[in-house]
Amino acid sequence: MEKLVLKSFTDKNYSREYKSPITLQINPSEIRFEKSIKYDRDRQMGALGGASVFENYGEQTCSFNILLDATGVLSEDEDTRSVQDIVDKLEAALYGYNSEAHRPPYVMVVWGVMIFKGQLSKMETNYTMFSSTGEPMRAKLSFTFCGFTSDEEERKKAGKSSPDMSHLITIRAGETLASVCNRIYGDSLLVDEVATINGLNGFRNIKAGTTLIFPHLKKIKD
């Protein structure tokens, strides 16, 4: 059976490997993908209810648990028999500080046809069995990854060559709504329309990480 593989990269385009890929001993029994949508409750004074106004798309996450075992139940290569060695390798590949990129590595979770690109947000290690000398013999690890897409992939999704399609774009650090409109539509003057469609009060000071809808809009004529 195909095993889940964790790959780490130095760059946000996932082209330069940071550490060697790690193939898990045992596949997780389940893997969870989470998506969310944020709404702003538009309530007027004295009203019992209110309209839910779309604000933005929340962060996508991938989470799962794995087991590590060195009791002899599993038949593994010599370099993966030690539970602590595997934990150390996972921490180095997923959590360790990458001095080249000045940040933790980018991570790709690959299991069959499922591919999730992101970065580690949480890792928990629970040692559940020890040898007589105190060496860990079994452990349960929990991972949570938050999604990350490079600017290049965002541009591909945006389909700059196809401005007649609607797109979901995550605002990156240093970007403005005007610059994204210019990238997608070739016209930064469409910021007001995009802001209105997304229920924004304006187009300035949009936080990095905010995901907005960029629908099919006709370019403003000169």
N, C-alpha and C. Protein backbone atom coordinates (compact mmCIF):
# COMPACT_ATOMS: atom_id res chain seq x y z
N MET A 1 0.85 -1.20 0.00
CA MET A 1 0.00 0.00 0.00
C MET A 1 0.88 1.25 0.00
N GLU A 2 0.49 2.25 -0.79
CA GLU A 2 1.28 3.48 -0.88
C GLU A 2 1.26 4.22 0.45
N LYS A 3 2.44 4.71 0.86
CA LYS A 3 2.58 5.39 2.13
C LYS A 3 2.54 6.92 1.96
N LEU A 4 2.10 7.59 3.01
CA LEU A 4 2.09 9.05 3.02
C LEU A 4 3.53 9.56 3.12
N VAL A 5 3.83 10.58 2.33
CA VAL A 5 5.18 11.13 2.28
C VAL A 5 5.13 12.62 2.64
N LEU A 6 6.07 13.05 3.48
CA LEU A 6 6.19 14.45 3.85
C LEU A 6 7.46 15.01 3.22
N LYS A 7 7.28 16.08 2.42
CA LYS A 7 8.42 16.69 1.74
C LYS A 7 8.58 18.13 2.23
N SER A 8 9.82 18.56 2.39
CA SER A 8 10.08 19.93 2.83
C SER A 8 10.91 20.66 1.78
N PHE A 9 10.66 21.97 1.67
CA PHE A 9 11.30 22.77 0.64
C PHE A 9 11.80 24.10 1.21
N THR A 10 12.83 24.63 0.57
CA THR A 10 13.39 25.91 1.01
C THR A 10 12.66 27.10 0.41
N ASP A 11 11.98 26.90 -0.72
CA ASP A 11 11.35 28.01 -1.43
C ASP A 11 9.85 27.83 -1.53
N LYS A 12 9.15 28.95 -1.68
CA LYS A 12 7.69 28.93 -1.72
C LYS A 12 7.12 28.36 -3.00
N ASN A 13 7.98 28.10 -3.99
CA ASN A 13 7.51 27.46 -5.22
C ASN A 13 7.66 25.95 -5.16
N TYR A 14 8.15 25.43 -4.03
CA TYR A 14 8.30 23.99 -3.82
C TYR A 14 9.17 23.35 -4.90
N SER A 15 10.29 23.98 -5.20
CA SER A 15 11.17 23.47 -6.25
C SER A 15 12.52 23.00 -5.71
N ARG A 16 12.94 23.50 -4.51
CA ARG A 16 14.23 23.10 -3.95
C ARG A 16 14.00 22.38 -2.62
N GLU A 17 14.36 21.10 -2.59
CA GLU A 17 14.14 20.31 -1.39
C GLU A 17 15.03 20.80 -0.25
N TYR A 18 14.47 20.83 0.96
CA TYR A 18 15.20 21.25 2.15
C TYR A 18 15.84 20.05 2.84
N LYS A 19 15.03 19.03 3.10
CA LYS A 19 15.50 17.76 3.67
C LYS A 19 14.97 16.62 2.80
N SER A 20 15.53 15.44 2.98
CA SER A 20 15.07 14.28 2.22
C SER A 20 13.62 13.97 2.59
N PRO A 21 12.80 13.52 1.63
CA PRO A 21 11.41 13.17 1.92
C PRO A 21 11.33 12.09 2.98
N ILE A 22 10.30 12.16 3.81
CA ILE A 22 10.11 11.19 4.88
C ILE A 22 8.84 10.38 4.60
N THR A 23 9.01 9.07 4.47
CA THR A 23 7.88 8.18 4.26
C THR A 23 7.46 7.60 5.61
N LEU A 24 6.21 7.71 5.93
CA LEU A 24 5.73 7.27 7.24
C LEU A 24 5.75 5.75 7.38
N GLN A 25 5.96 5.29 8.60
CA GLN A 25 5.89 3.87 8.89
C GLN A 25 4.48 3.33 8.65
N ILE A 26 3.52 4.04 9.23
CA ILE A 26 2.12 3.63 9.17
C ILE A 26 1.28 4.81 8.67
N ASN A 27 0.41 4.56 7.71
CA ASN A 27 -0.46 5.63 7.23
C ASN A 27 -1.45 6.04 8.32
N PRO A 28 -1.83 7.31 8.34
CA PRO A 28 -2.87 7.73 9.31
C PRO A 28 -4.19 7.04 9.00
N SER A 29 -4.96 6.81 10.05
CA SER A 29 -6.27 6.17 9.85
C SER A 29 -7.26 7.12 9.21
N GLU A 30 -7.01 8.42 9.38
CA GLU A 30 -7.83 9.44 8.75
C GLU A 30 -7.01 10.71 8.57
N ILE A 31 -7.43 11.52 7.64
CA ILE A 31 -6.77 12.80 7.40
C ILE A 31 -7.87 13.85 7.22
N ARG A 32 -7.69 14.98 7.86
CA ARG A 32 -8.76 15.98 7.89
C ARG A 32 -8.33 17.24 7.17
N PHE A 33 -9.19 17.70 6.25
CA PHE A 33 -8.99 18.97 5.55
C PHE A 33 -10.10 19.92 5.98
N GLU A 34 -9.71 21.11 6.36
CA GLU A 34 -10.70 22.07 6.86
C GLU A 34 -10.64 23.37 6.07
N LYS A 35 -11.81 23.86 5.70
CA LYS A 35 -11.95 25.15 5.04
C LYS A 35 -13.03 25.93 5.78
N SER A 36 -12.92 27.24 5.76
CA SER A 36 -13.91 28.05 6.46
C SER A 36 -14.18 29.34 5.69
N ILE A 37 -15.33 29.93 5.99
CA ILE A 37 -15.73 31.20 5.40
C ILE A 37 -16.11 32.14 6.53
N LYS A 38 -15.61 33.34 6.49
CA LYS A 38 -15.90 34.32 7.53
C LYS A 38 -16.98 35.30 7.05
N TYR A 39 -17.95 35.55 7.92
CA TYR A 39 -19.04 36.48 7.61
C TYR A 39 -19.10 37.57 8.68
N ASP A 40 -19.54 38.71 8.27
CA ASP A 40 -19.75 39.83 9.19
C ASP A 40 -21.25 40.00 9.37
N ARG A 41 -21.71 39.89 10.61
CA ARG A 41 -23.13 40.01 10.88
C ARG A 41 -23.54 41.48 10.84
N ASP A 42 -24.28 41.84 9.80
CA ASP A 42 -24.71 43.24 9.61
C ASP A 42 -26.02 43.46 10.36
N ARG A 43 -25.90 43.84 11.64
CA ARG A 43 -27.09 44.00 12.48
C ARG A 43 -27.36 45.47 12.76
N GLN A 44 -28.61 45.84 12.66
CA GLN A 44 -29.02 47.20 12.97
C GLN A 44 -29.56 47.24 14.40
N MET A 45 -29.50 48.39 15.02
CA MET A 45 -29.98 48.54 16.39
C MET A 45 -31.46 48.18 16.48
N GLY A 46 -31.78 47.28 17.41
CA GLY A 46 -33.17 46.88 17.63
C GLY A 46 -33.59 45.69 16.78
N ALA A 47 -32.73 45.27 15.82
CA ALA A 47 -33.09 44.15 14.95
C ALA A 47 -32.84 42.82 15.66
N LEU A 48 -33.73 41.85 15.43
CA LEU A 48 -33.57 40.54 16.05
C LEU A 48 -32.54 39.71 15.30
N GLY A 49 -32.45 39.90 14.04
CA GLY A 49 -31.49 39.14 13.24
C GLY A 49 -30.61 40.08 12.44
N GLY A 50 -30.10 39.59 11.37
CA GLY A 50 -29.25 40.42 10.53
C GLY A 50 -28.72 39.62 9.36
N ALA A 51 -28.32 40.33 8.33
CA ALA A 51 -27.80 39.67 7.15
C ALA A 51 -26.34 39.28 7.37
N SER A 52 -25.96 38.14 6.87
CA SER A 52 -24.57 37.69 6.93
C SER A 52 -23.85 38.18 5.68
N VAL A 53 -22.93 39.10 5.88
CA VAL A 53 -22.19 39.68 4.77
C VAL A 53 -20.85 38.96 4.63
N PHE A 54 -20.55 38.46 3.45
CA PHE A 54 -19.30 37.76 3.22
C PHE A 54 -18.12 38.67 3.52
N GLU A 55 -17.18 38.19 4.32
CA GLU A 55 -15.98 38.96 4.66
C GLU A 55 -14.76 38.44 3.90
N ASN A 56 -14.43 37.16 4.11
CA ASN A 56 -13.32 36.54 3.37
C ASN A 56 -13.32 35.04 3.62
N TYR A 57 -12.46 34.35 2.90
CA TYR A 57 -12.28 32.93 3.10
C TYR A 57 -11.21 32.71 4.17
N GLY A 58 -11.47 31.78 5.07
CA GLY A 58 -10.51 31.48 6.12
C GLY A 58 -9.38 30.60 5.63
N GLU A 59 -8.46 30.35 6.52
CA GLU A 59 -7.29 29.55 6.18
C GLU A 59 -7.65 28.08 6.01
N GLN A 60 -7.05 27.42 5.04
CA GLN A 60 -7.24 25.99 4.84
C GLN A 60 -6.22 25.23 5.68
N THR A 61 -6.64 24.13 6.27
CA THR A 61 -5.73 23.34 7.09
C THR A 61 -5.83 21.86 6.74
N CYS A 62 -4.77 21.16 7.06
CA CYS A 62 -4.69 19.70 6.89
C CYS A 62 -4.15 19.15 8.20
N SER A 63 -4.81 18.16 8.78
CA SER A 63 -4.35 17.60 10.05
C SER A 63 -4.54 16.09 10.08
N PHE A 64 -3.65 15.43 10.79
CA PHE A 64 -3.74 13.97 10.94
C PHE A 64 -2.82 13.52 12.07
N ASN A 65 -3.04 12.29 12.53
CA ASN A 65 -2.21 11.66 13.56
C ASN A 65 -1.48 10.47 12.96
N ILE A 66 -0.28 10.20 13.47
CA ILE A 66 0.47 9.03 13.02
C ILE A 66 1.04 8.30 14.22
N LEU A 67 1.37 7.02 14.03
CA LEU A 67 1.98 6.20 15.06
C LEU A 67 3.38 5.82 14.64
N LEU A 68 4.30 5.82 15.59
CA LEU A 68 5.66 5.34 15.37
C LEU A 68 5.89 4.17 16.31
N ASP A 69 6.54 3.10 15.79
CA ASP A 69 6.71 1.90 16.61
C ASP A 69 8.08 1.29 16.37
N ALA A 70 8.77 0.97 17.47
CA ALA A 70 10.08 0.31 17.37
C ALA A 70 10.12 -0.94 18.25
N THR A 71 8.95 -1.55 18.46
CA THR A 71 8.88 -2.73 19.33
C THR A 71 9.20 -4.01 18.58
N GLY A 72 9.36 -3.93 17.25
CA GLY A 72 9.62 -5.12 16.46
C GLY A 72 8.40 -5.63 15.73
N VAL A 73 7.27 -5.01 15.98
CA VAL A 73 6.04 -5.41 15.28
C VAL A 73 6.13 -5.09 13.81
N LEU A 74 6.77 -3.95 13.50
CA LEU A 74 6.91 -3.53 12.12
C LEU A 74 8.28 -3.94 11.58
N SER A 75 8.34 -4.24 10.31
CA SER A 75 9.61 -4.56 9.66
C SER A 75 10.06 -3.34 8.89
N GLU A 76 11.08 -2.66 9.42
CA GLU A 76 11.54 -1.42 8.82
C GLU A 76 13.06 -1.45 8.62
N ASP A 77 13.58 -0.53 7.81
CA ASP A 77 15.01 -0.42 7.60
C ASP A 77 15.70 -0.01 8.89
N GLU A 78 17.00 -0.30 8.98
CA GLU A 78 17.75 0.00 10.19
C GLU A 78 17.68 1.48 10.58
N ASP A 79 17.71 2.38 9.57
CA ASP A 79 17.77 3.79 9.89
C ASP A 79 16.44 4.36 10.36
N THR A 80 15.40 3.56 10.38
CA THR A 80 14.11 4.04 10.86
C THR A 80 13.60 3.24 12.05
N ARG A 81 14.44 2.41 12.65
CA ARG A 81 13.99 1.59 13.78
C ARG A 81 13.82 2.42 15.05
N SER A 82 14.61 3.44 15.21
CA SER A 82 14.55 4.25 16.42
C SER A 82 13.42 5.27 16.32
N VAL A 83 12.50 5.23 17.28
CA VAL A 83 11.41 6.18 17.31
C VAL A 83 11.94 7.61 17.44
N GLN A 84 12.93 7.79 18.33
CA GLN A 84 13.48 9.13 18.53
C GLN A 84 14.15 9.66 17.27
N ASP A 85 14.81 8.77 16.51
CA ASP A 85 15.44 9.20 15.26
C ASP A 85 14.40 9.72 14.28
N ILE A 86 13.26 9.04 14.20
CA ILE A 86 12.21 9.46 13.28
C ILE A 86 11.63 10.81 13.72
N VAL A 87 11.40 10.95 15.02
CA VAL A 87 10.89 12.21 15.54
C VAL A 87 11.86 13.34 15.23
N ASP A 88 13.15 13.09 15.43
CA ASP A 88 14.17 14.11 15.15
C ASP A 88 14.17 14.50 13.68
N LYS A 89 14.03 13.50 12.81
CA LYS A 89 14.02 13.78 11.37
C LYS A 89 12.79 14.60 10.98
N LEU A 90 11.65 14.26 11.57
CA LEU A 90 10.42 15.01 11.29
C LEU A 90 10.54 16.45 11.77
N GLU A 91 11.08 16.64 12.95
CA GLU A 91 11.24 17.99 13.47
C GLU A 91 12.19 18.81 12.61
N ALA A 92 13.29 18.17 12.17
CA ALA A 92 14.27 18.88 11.34
C ALA A 92 13.68 19.27 9.99
N ALA A 93 12.86 18.38 9.43
CA ALA A 93 12.32 18.62 8.09
C ALA A 93 11.12 19.56 8.09
N LEU A 94 10.31 19.53 9.14
CA LEU A 94 9.06 20.29 9.15
C LEU A 94 9.09 21.51 10.05
N TYR A 95 9.85 21.43 11.14
CA TYR A 95 9.82 22.46 12.17
C TYR A 95 11.09 23.30 12.21
N GLY A 96 12.21 22.70 11.83
CA GLY A 96 13.50 23.36 11.94
C GLY A 96 13.59 24.67 11.17
N TYR A 97 14.40 25.59 11.69
CA TYR A 97 14.56 26.90 11.06
C TYR A 97 15.49 26.78 9.85
N ASN A 98 15.00 27.23 8.71
CA ASN A 98 15.78 27.20 7.47
C ASN A 98 16.54 28.51 7.33
N SER A 99 17.85 28.48 7.55
CA SER A 99 18.65 29.70 7.52
C SER A 99 18.72 30.32 6.13
N GLU A 100 18.53 29.51 5.09
CA GLU A 100 18.56 30.05 3.72
C GLU A 100 17.34 30.92 3.45
N ALA A 101 16.18 30.45 3.87
CA ALA A 101 14.94 31.19 3.63
C ALA A 101 14.57 32.09 4.80
N HIS A 102 15.31 31.96 5.92
CA HIS A 102 15.03 32.74 7.13
C HIS A 102 13.63 32.51 7.66
N ARG A 103 13.22 31.25 7.67
CA ARG A 103 11.89 30.87 8.14
C ARG A 103 11.81 29.34 8.17
N PRO A 104 10.79 28.78 8.79
CA PRO A 104 10.60 27.32 8.73
C PRO A 104 10.35 26.88 7.29
N PRO A 105 10.57 25.62 6.97
CA PRO A 105 10.41 25.16 5.59
C PRO A 105 8.96 25.11 5.12
N TYR A 106 8.79 25.12 3.82
CA TYR A 106 7.50 24.87 3.20
C TYR A 106 7.32 23.35 3.11
N VAL A 107 6.10 22.89 3.25
CA VAL A 107 5.86 21.45 3.35
C VAL A 107 4.83 21.00 2.32
N MET A 108 5.06 19.80 1.79
CA MET A 108 4.10 19.18 0.88
C MET A 108 3.72 17.82 1.44
N VAL A 109 2.42 17.62 1.66
CA VAL A 109 1.91 16.34 2.14
C VAL A 109 1.39 15.57 0.93
N VAL A 110 1.96 14.42 0.67
CA VAL A 110 1.60 13.64 -0.52
C VAL A 110 1.14 12.25 -0.11
N TRP A 111 -0.07 11.91 -0.48
CA TRP A 111 -0.60 10.57 -0.21
C TRP A 111 -1.49 10.18 -1.39
N GLY A 112 -0.95 9.34 -2.25
CA GLY A 112 -1.69 8.94 -3.44
C GLY A 112 -1.96 10.14 -4.33
N VAL A 113 -3.23 10.40 -4.62
CA VAL A 113 -3.60 11.53 -5.47
C VAL A 113 -3.79 12.82 -4.67
N MET A 114 -3.71 12.72 -3.34
CA MET A 114 -3.89 13.90 -2.50
C MET A 114 -2.57 14.62 -2.30
N ILE A 115 -2.56 15.90 -2.58
CA ILE A 115 -1.38 16.74 -2.37
C ILE A 115 -1.81 18.02 -1.66
N PHE A 116 -1.20 18.29 -0.54
CA PHE A 116 -1.50 19.50 0.22
C PHE A 116 -0.21 20.28 0.39
N LYS A 117 -0.23 21.55 -0.03
CA LYS A 117 0.94 22.41 0.09
C LYS A 117 0.70 23.42 1.21
N GLY A 118 1.66 23.51 2.11
CA GLY A 118 1.49 24.44 3.22
C GLY A 118 2.73 24.55 4.08
N GLN A 119 2.50 24.74 5.36
CA GLN A 119 3.59 24.86 6.32
C GLN A 119 3.08 24.40 7.68
N LEU A 120 3.99 23.86 8.47
CA LEU A 120 3.60 23.32 9.76
C LEU A 120 3.13 24.43 10.70
N SER A 121 1.99 24.23 11.33
CA SER A 121 1.52 25.18 12.33
C SER A 121 1.51 24.57 13.73
N LYS A 122 1.45 23.22 13.81
CA LYS A 122 1.46 22.58 15.11
C LYS A 122 1.91 21.13 14.99
N MET A 123 2.78 20.71 15.91
CA MET A 123 3.26 19.33 15.97
C MET A 123 3.30 18.90 17.43
N GLU A 124 2.61 17.81 17.75
CA GLU A 124 2.58 17.29 19.11
C GLU A 124 3.14 15.88 19.11
N THR A 125 3.99 15.58 20.07
CA THR A 125 4.58 14.24 20.21
C THR A 125 4.22 13.68 21.57
N ASN A 126 3.61 12.51 21.56
CA ASN A 126 3.20 11.84 22.79
C ASN A 126 3.86 10.46 22.84
N TYR A 127 4.89 10.30 23.68
CA TYR A 127 5.57 9.01 23.82
C TYR A 127 4.72 8.11 24.72
N THR A 128 4.43 6.91 24.23
CA THR A 128 3.50 6.03 24.95
C THR A 128 4.13 4.74 25.45
N MET A 129 5.38 4.45 25.05
CA MET A 129 6.04 3.23 25.52
C MET A 129 7.54 3.44 25.53
N PHE A 130 8.22 2.87 26.58
CA PHE A 130 9.66 3.03 26.71
C PHE A 130 10.31 1.69 27.01
N SER A 131 11.58 1.59 26.63
CA SER A 131 12.36 0.39 26.96
C SER A 131 12.83 0.49 28.41
N SER A 132 13.49 -0.55 28.89
CA SER A 132 13.98 -0.56 30.27
C SER A 132 15.05 0.50 30.51
N THR A 133 15.68 0.97 29.42
CA THR A 133 16.70 2.00 29.52
C THR A 133 16.14 3.41 29.31
N GLY A 134 14.83 3.49 29.10
CA GLY A 134 14.19 4.80 28.93
C GLY A 134 14.12 5.26 27.48
N GLU A 135 14.48 4.39 26.54
CA GLU A 135 14.41 4.76 25.13
C GLU A 135 12.96 4.67 24.64
N PRO A 136 12.46 5.70 23.93
CA PRO A 136 11.09 5.65 23.40
C PRO A 136 10.93 4.49 22.41
N MET A 137 9.89 3.70 22.62
CA MET A 137 9.62 2.56 21.74
C MET A 137 8.35 2.76 20.91
N ARG A 138 7.52 3.68 21.33
CA ARG A 138 6.28 3.94 20.59
C ARG A 138 5.85 5.38 20.85
N ALA A 139 5.33 6.02 19.83
CA ALA A 139 4.91 7.42 19.98
C ALA A 139 3.74 7.72 19.05
N LYS A 140 2.94 8.67 19.49
CA LYS A 140 1.83 9.17 18.67
C LYS A 140 2.10 10.63 18.37
N LEU A 141 2.08 11.00 17.09
CA LEU A 141 2.34 12.37 16.67
C LEU A 141 1.11 12.96 16.02
N SER A 142 0.84 14.22 16.31
CA SER A 142 -0.28 14.94 15.71
C SER A 142 0.27 16.13 14.94
N PHE A 143 -0.17 16.30 13.70
CA PHE A 143 0.29 17.39 12.84
C PHE A 143 -0.89 18.24 12.39
N THR A 144 -0.64 19.54 12.31
CA THR A 144 -1.58 20.45 11.67
C THR A 144 -0.78 21.35 10.74
N PHE A 145 -1.19 21.39 9.48
CA PHE A 145 -0.54 22.23 8.48
C PHE A 145 -1.53 23.28 7.99
N CYS A 146 -1.06 24.49 7.82
CA CYS A 146 -1.89 25.54 7.22
C CYS A 146 -1.48 25.69 5.75
N GLY A 147 -2.45 25.94 4.91
CA GLY A 147 -2.19 26.00 3.49
C GLY A 147 -1.34 27.18 3.08
N PHE A 148 -0.55 26.98 2.05
CA PHE A 148 0.26 28.07 1.49
C PHE A 148 0.37 27.86 -0.01
N THR A 149 0.11 28.93 -0.77
CA THR A 149 0.23 28.89 -2.22
C THR A 149 1.13 30.02 -2.67
N SER A 150 2.08 29.71 -3.53
CA SER A 150 3.02 30.72 -3.99
C SER A 150 2.33 31.74 -4.88
N ASP A 151 2.98 32.89 -5.04
CA ASP A 151 2.44 33.93 -5.91
C ASP A 151 2.27 33.41 -7.33
N GLU A 152 3.23 32.60 -7.77
CA GLU A 152 3.16 32.06 -9.13
C GLU A 152 1.93 31.18 -9.31
N GLU A 153 1.67 30.33 -8.32
CA GLU A 153 0.49 29.47 -8.40
C GLU A 153 -0.79 30.28 -8.30
N GLU A 154 -0.76 31.33 -7.48
CA GLU A 154 -1.92 32.21 -7.39
C GLU A 154 -2.22 32.85 -8.74
N ARG A 155 -1.16 33.25 -9.44
CA ARG A 155 -1.36 33.85 -10.76
C ARG A 155 -1.95 32.84 -11.74
N LYS A 156 -1.51 31.59 -11.62
CA LYS A 156 -2.06 30.56 -12.49
C LYS A 156 -3.52 30.33 -12.20
N LYS A 157 -3.85 30.31 -10.89
CA LYS A 157 -5.25 30.15 -10.51
C LYS A 157 -6.08 31.34 -10.95
N ALA A 158 -5.45 32.51 -10.85
CA ALA A 158 -6.16 33.73 -11.25
C ALA A 158 -6.42 33.73 -12.73
N GLY A 159 -5.58 33.02 -13.49
CA GLY A 159 -5.77 32.95 -14.93
C GLY A 159 -5.70 34.31 -15.57
N LYS A 160 -4.52 34.93 -15.49
CA LYS A 160 -4.37 36.28 -16.04
C LYS A 160 -4.75 36.32 -17.51
N SER A 161 -4.56 35.21 -18.21
CA SER A 161 -4.92 35.16 -19.62
C SER A 161 -6.42 34.95 -19.80
N SER A 162 -7.13 34.70 -18.70
CA SER A 162 -8.58 34.48 -18.78
C SER A 162 -9.30 35.33 -17.74
N PRO A 163 -9.35 36.65 -17.94
CA PRO A 163 -10.00 37.53 -16.97
C PRO A 163 -11.52 37.40 -16.97
N ASP A 164 -12.05 36.54 -17.83
CA ASP A 164 -13.49 36.36 -17.89
C ASP A 164 -13.96 35.29 -16.90
N MET A 165 -13.07 34.82 -16.03
CA MET A 165 -13.42 33.81 -15.05
C MET A 165 -13.34 34.41 -13.64
N SER A 166 -14.12 33.85 -12.71
CA SER A 166 -14.04 34.30 -11.33
C SER A 166 -12.94 33.54 -10.60
N HIS A 167 -12.27 34.22 -9.66
CA HIS A 167 -11.16 33.61 -8.96
C HIS A 167 -11.20 33.94 -7.48
N LEU A 168 -10.57 33.07 -6.69
CA LEU A 168 -10.35 33.32 -5.27
C LEU A 168 -8.87 33.62 -5.10
N ILE A 169 -8.55 34.78 -4.57
CA ILE A 169 -7.16 35.20 -4.43
C ILE A 169 -6.88 35.56 -2.97
N THR A 170 -5.77 35.06 -2.45
CA THR A 170 -5.33 35.40 -1.10
C THR A 170 -4.34 36.56 -1.17
N ILE A 171 -4.64 37.62 -0.47
CA ILE A 171 -3.78 38.81 -0.47
C ILE A 171 -2.49 38.50 0.26
N ARG A 172 -1.36 38.76 -0.41
CA ARG A 172 -0.05 38.51 0.19
C ARG A 172 0.49 39.77 0.85
N ALA A 173 1.47 39.56 1.71
CA ALA A 173 2.13 40.69 2.38
C ALA A 173 2.73 41.62 1.33
N GLY A 174 2.45 42.91 1.45
CA GLY A 174 2.98 43.88 0.50
C GLY A 174 2.06 44.14 -0.68
N GLU A 175 1.03 43.31 -0.85
CA GLU A 175 0.09 43.51 -1.96
C GLU A 175 -1.03 44.45 -1.54
N THR A 176 -1.62 45.09 -2.53
CA THR A 176 -2.81 45.91 -2.31
C THR A 176 -3.91 45.41 -3.23
N LEU A 177 -5.12 45.81 -2.93
CA LEU A 177 -6.24 45.41 -3.79
C LEU A 177 -6.05 45.95 -5.20
N ALA A 178 -5.49 47.14 -5.29
CA ALA A 178 -5.25 47.75 -6.60
C ALA A 178 -4.24 46.95 -7.41
N SER A 179 -3.17 46.49 -6.76
CA SER A 179 -2.15 45.73 -7.48
C SER A 179 -2.67 44.39 -7.95
N VAL A 180 -3.54 43.75 -7.14
CA VAL A 180 -4.12 42.47 -7.55
C VAL A 180 -5.10 42.68 -8.70
N CYS A 181 -5.88 43.75 -8.65
CA CYS A 181 -6.80 44.06 -9.75
C CYS A 181 -6.02 44.28 -11.04
N ASN A 182 -4.91 44.96 -10.92
CA ASN A 182 -4.08 45.22 -12.10
C ASN A 182 -3.52 43.92 -12.65
N ARG A 183 -3.17 42.98 -11.75
CA ARG A 183 -2.61 41.70 -12.16
C ARG A 183 -3.65 40.84 -12.87
N ILE A 184 -4.87 40.85 -12.35
CA ILE A 184 -5.92 39.98 -12.90
C ILE A 184 -6.62 40.60 -14.11
N TYR A 185 -7.02 41.87 -13.93
CA TYR A 185 -7.83 42.51 -14.97
C TYR A 185 -7.01 43.43 -15.88
N GLY A 186 -5.80 43.77 -15.44
CA GLY A 186 -5.04 44.76 -16.18
C GLY A 186 -5.57 46.15 -15.96
N ASP A 187 -6.30 46.36 -14.86
CA ASP A 187 -6.91 47.66 -14.58
C ASP A 187 -7.08 47.80 -13.07
N SER A 188 -6.29 48.67 -12.45
CA SER A 188 -6.35 48.87 -11.00
C SER A 188 -7.57 49.69 -10.58
N LEU A 189 -8.26 50.31 -11.54
CA LEU A 189 -9.41 51.15 -11.22
C LEU A 189 -10.66 50.35 -10.86
N LEU A 190 -10.56 49.01 -10.92
CA LEU A 190 -11.71 48.18 -10.58
C LEU A 190 -11.77 47.86 -9.09
N VAL A 191 -10.92 48.51 -8.30
CA VAL A 191 -10.86 48.21 -6.86
C VAL A 191 -12.19 48.44 -6.16
N ASP A 192 -12.90 49.50 -6.52
CA ASP A 192 -14.17 49.80 -5.85
C ASP A 192 -15.19 48.70 -6.08
N GLU A 193 -15.26 48.21 -7.31
CA GLU A 193 -16.22 47.15 -7.63
C GLU A 193 -15.88 45.86 -6.89
N VAL A 194 -14.61 45.51 -6.86
CA VAL A 194 -14.18 44.29 -6.16
C VAL A 194 -14.46 44.43 -4.66
N ALA A 195 -14.18 45.59 -4.10
CA ALA A 195 -14.42 45.82 -2.68
C ALA A 195 -15.91 45.68 -2.36
N THR A 196 -16.76 46.23 -3.21
CA THR A 196 -18.21 46.16 -2.99
C THR A 196 -18.70 44.72 -3.05
N ILE A 197 -18.22 43.96 -4.03
CA ILE A 197 -18.63 42.56 -4.20
C ILE A 197 -18.24 41.73 -2.98
N ASN A 198 -17.11 42.06 -2.37
CA ASN A 198 -16.64 41.31 -1.20
C ASN A 198 -17.14 41.88 0.13
N GLY A 199 -18.01 42.88 0.05
CA GLY A 199 -18.60 43.43 1.26
C GLY A 199 -17.64 44.26 2.09
N LEU A 200 -16.63 44.85 1.43
CA LEU A 200 -15.64 45.67 2.14
C LEU A 200 -16.09 47.12 2.16
N ASN A 201 -15.71 47.81 3.22
CA ASN A 201 -16.04 49.23 3.33
C ASN A 201 -15.11 50.10 2.48
N GLY A 202 -13.99 49.55 2.11
CA GLY A 202 -13.02 50.26 1.28
C GLY A 202 -12.00 49.30 0.74
N PHE A 203 -11.02 49.81 0.03
CA PHE A 203 -10.02 48.92 -0.57
C PHE A 203 -8.64 49.11 0.03
N ARG A 204 -8.54 49.92 1.07
CA ARG A 204 -7.23 50.14 1.71
C ARG A 204 -7.10 49.32 2.98
N ASN A 205 -5.85 49.09 3.37
CA ASN A 205 -5.52 48.40 4.63
C ASN A 205 -6.15 47.02 4.74
N ILE A 206 -6.11 46.26 3.64
CA ILE A 206 -6.60 44.89 3.67
C ILE A 206 -5.48 44.00 4.21
N LYS A 207 -5.79 43.22 5.22
CA LYS A 207 -4.79 42.40 5.88
C LYS A 207 -4.28 41.28 4.98
N ALA A 208 -2.97 41.01 5.07
CA ALA A 208 -2.38 39.88 4.35
C ALA A 208 -3.02 38.59 4.86
N GLY A 209 -3.31 37.67 3.94
CA GLY A 209 -3.97 36.43 4.30
C GLY A 209 -5.46 36.44 4.04
N THR A 210 -6.01 37.63 3.72
CA THR A 210 -7.43 37.74 3.40
C THR A 210 -7.68 37.18 2.01
N THR A 211 -8.67 36.30 1.88
CA THR A 211 -9.03 35.72 0.59
C THR A 211 -10.28 36.39 0.06
N LEU A 212 -10.21 36.88 -1.16
CA LEU A 212 -11.32 37.63 -1.75
C LEU A 212 -11.74 37.02 -3.08
N ILE A 213 -12.98 37.31 -3.45
CA ILE A 213 -13.50 36.88 -4.74
C ILE A 213 -13.20 37.96 -5.78
N PHE A 214 -12.62 37.56 -6.90
CA PHE A 214 -12.38 38.46 -8.02
C PHE A 214 -13.20 37.93 -9.20
N PRO A 215 -14.41 38.45 -9.37
CA PRO A 215 -15.32 37.92 -10.39
C PRO A 215 -14.99 38.45 -11.79
N HIS A 216 -15.76 37.99 -12.74
CA HIS A 216 -15.61 38.48 -14.11
C HIS A 216 -16.07 39.93 -14.16
N LEU A 217 -15.15 40.83 -14.43
CA LEU A 217 -15.47 42.24 -14.56
C LEU A 217 -14.89 42.78 -15.86
N LYS A 218 -15.63 43.62 -16.50
CA LYS A 218 -15.14 44.21 -17.73
C LYS A 218 -14.18 45.35 -17.41
N LYS A 219 -13.12 45.40 -18.17
CA LYS A 219 -12.13 46.46 -17.97
C LYS A 219 -12.74 47.82 -18.27
N ILE A 220 -12.43 48.78 -17.38
CA ILE A 220 -12.95 50.13 -17.57
C ILE A 220 -12.34 50.73 -18.83
N LYS A 221 -13.18 51.30 -19.64
CA LYS A 221 -12.71 51.89 -20.89
C LYS A 221 -12.12 53.27 -20.66
N ASP A 222 -11.13 53.60 -21.45
CA ASP A 222 -10.51 54.92 -21.37
C ASP A 222 -11.49 55.97 -21.86
